Amino acid sequence: MFLLLPFVLYLFEQSLTSEISFAKFSALLSNGFAKVVVLALIWAYLHHFCAGVRYLILDLHIGIDKASASKSAVSVLIVSLLLTVVFGAKLFGLF
């Protein structure tokens, strides 16, 4: 994910330079395989974000016993997957 950051920033910069660049970028993302790749990157980012929030809470010594830590790990996975479904629905044009 970190190694793709320069590429993502380059694509973002190119999409902002002109309408033609934006149209090319939009055409690239209209491909189903590209959408799946973007969705995987979205899941990776959301999972990383949710896990970071979990670790911030663990740093406050909340939920550090084994049972609570296991539950919070599962909840991070579930929340990140649910958020990915929401973003994926938007990406695939369901709303």
Protein backbone atom coordinates (compact mmCIF):
# COMPACT_ATOMS: atom_id res chain seq x y z
CA MET A 1 0.00 0.00 0.00
CA PHE A 2 2.80 2.40 0.89
CA LEU A 3 4.69 1.64 -2.31
CA LEU A 4 1.63 2.48 -4.41
CA LEU A 5 1.19 5.89 -2.78
CA PRO A 6 3.39 7.78 -5.30
CA PHE A 7 1.49 6.17 -8.17
CA VAL A 8 -1.88 7.06 -6.64
CA LEU A 9 -0.75 10.65 -6.03
CA TYR A 10 0.49 10.86 -9.63
CA LEU A 11 -2.87 9.64 -10.93
CA PHE A 12 -4.67 12.12 -8.68
CA GLU A 13 -2.47 14.97 -9.91
CA GLN A 14 -3.03 13.97 -13.52
CA SER A 15 -6.79 13.83 -13.03
CA LEU A 16 -6.74 17.44 -11.80
CA THR A 17 -4.63 18.93 -14.60
CA SER A 18 -7.28 19.01 -17.33
CA GLU A 19 -10.65 17.66 -18.37
CA ILE A 20 -8.99 15.34 -20.88
CA SER A 21 -6.79 13.81 -18.19
CA PHE A 22 -9.83 13.38 -15.96
CA ALA A 23 -11.70 11.66 -18.81
CA LYS A 24 -8.77 9.28 -19.35
CA PHE A 25 -8.63 8.52 -15.64
CA SER A 26 -12.39 7.94 -15.54
CA ALA A 27 -12.15 5.61 -18.53
CA LEU A 28 -9.38 3.68 -16.78
CA LEU A 29 -11.53 3.23 -13.67
CA SER A 30 -14.58 2.15 -15.66
CA ASN A 31 -12.85 -1.21 -16.19
CA GLY A 32 -14.17 -3.87 -13.80
CA PHE A 33 -10.71 -5.22 -12.94
CA ALA A 34 -9.48 -1.72 -12.07
CA LYS A 35 -12.47 -1.26 -9.78
CA VAL A 36 -11.66 -4.51 -7.98
CA VAL A 37 -8.05 -3.38 -7.52
CA VAL A 38 -9.22 0.00 -6.19
CA LEU A 39 -11.66 -1.77 -3.89
CA ALA A 40 -8.83 -3.94 -2.51
CA LEU A 41 -6.79 -0.80 -1.86
CA ILE A 42 -9.78 0.82 -0.16
CA TRP A 43 -10.16 -2.22 2.09
CA ALA A 44 -6.46 -2.15 2.96
CA TYR A 45 -6.65 1.53 3.89
CA LEU A 46 -9.87 1.14 5.91
CA HIS A 47 -8.54 -1.91 7.75
CA HIS A 48 -5.32 -0.06 8.54
CA PHE A 49 -7.30 2.93 9.80
CA CYS A 50 -9.62 0.83 11.99
CA ALA A 51 -6.70 -1.15 13.40
CA GLY A 52 -4.95 2.12 14.19
CA VAL A 53 -7.96 3.30 16.16
CA ARG A 54 -7.96 -0.05 17.98
CA TYR A 55 -4.32 0.35 18.93
CA LEU A 56 -4.91 3.90 20.15
CA ILE A 57 -7.60 2.51 22.45
CA LEU A 58 -5.25 -0.28 23.56
CA ASP A 59 -2.64 2.38 24.37
CA LEU A 60 -5.14 3.78 26.86
CA HIS A 61 -5.11 0.34 28.53
CA ILE A 62 -8.70 -0.33 27.54
CA GLY A 63 -9.43 -3.90 26.47
CA ILE A 64 -5.95 -5.29 26.98
CA ASP A 65 -7.04 -8.65 28.38
CA LYS A 66 -7.04 -11.55 25.95
CA ALA A 67 -10.81 -11.87 25.54
CA SER A 68 -11.37 -8.16 24.92
CA ALA A 69 -8.41 -7.95 22.56
CA SER A 70 -9.76 -10.86 20.52
CA LYS A 71 -13.19 -9.25 20.33
CA SER A 72 -11.74 -5.91 19.28
CA ALA A 73 -9.64 -7.62 16.58
CA VAL A 74 -12.75 -9.29 15.16
CA SER A 75 -14.67 -6.02 15.37
CA VAL A 76 -11.91 -4.24 13.41
CA LEU A 77 -12.23 -6.84 10.66
CA ILE A 78 -16.03 -6.60 10.60
CA VAL A 79 -16.10 -2.79 10.63
CA SER A 80 -13.49 -2.54 7.89
CA LEU A 81 -15.40 -5.02 5.73
CA LEU A 82 -18.70 -3.18 6.27
CA LEU A 83 -17.10 0.13 5.36
CA THR A 84 -15.58 -1.50 2.29
CA VAL A 85 -19.02 -2.72 1.23
CA VAL A 86 -20.35 0.85 1.53
CA PHE A 87 -17.46 2.33 -0.45
CA GLY A 88 -17.66 -0.54 -2.96
CA ALA A 89 -21.36 0.10 -3.51
CA LYS A 90 -20.55 3.72 -4.29
CA LEU A 91 -17.61 2.70 -6.51
CA PHE A 92 -19.77 0.31 -8.54
CA GLY A 93 -22.56 2.88 -8.84
CA LEU A 94 -25.22 1.30 -6.64
CA PHE A 95 -26.10 4.69 -5.14
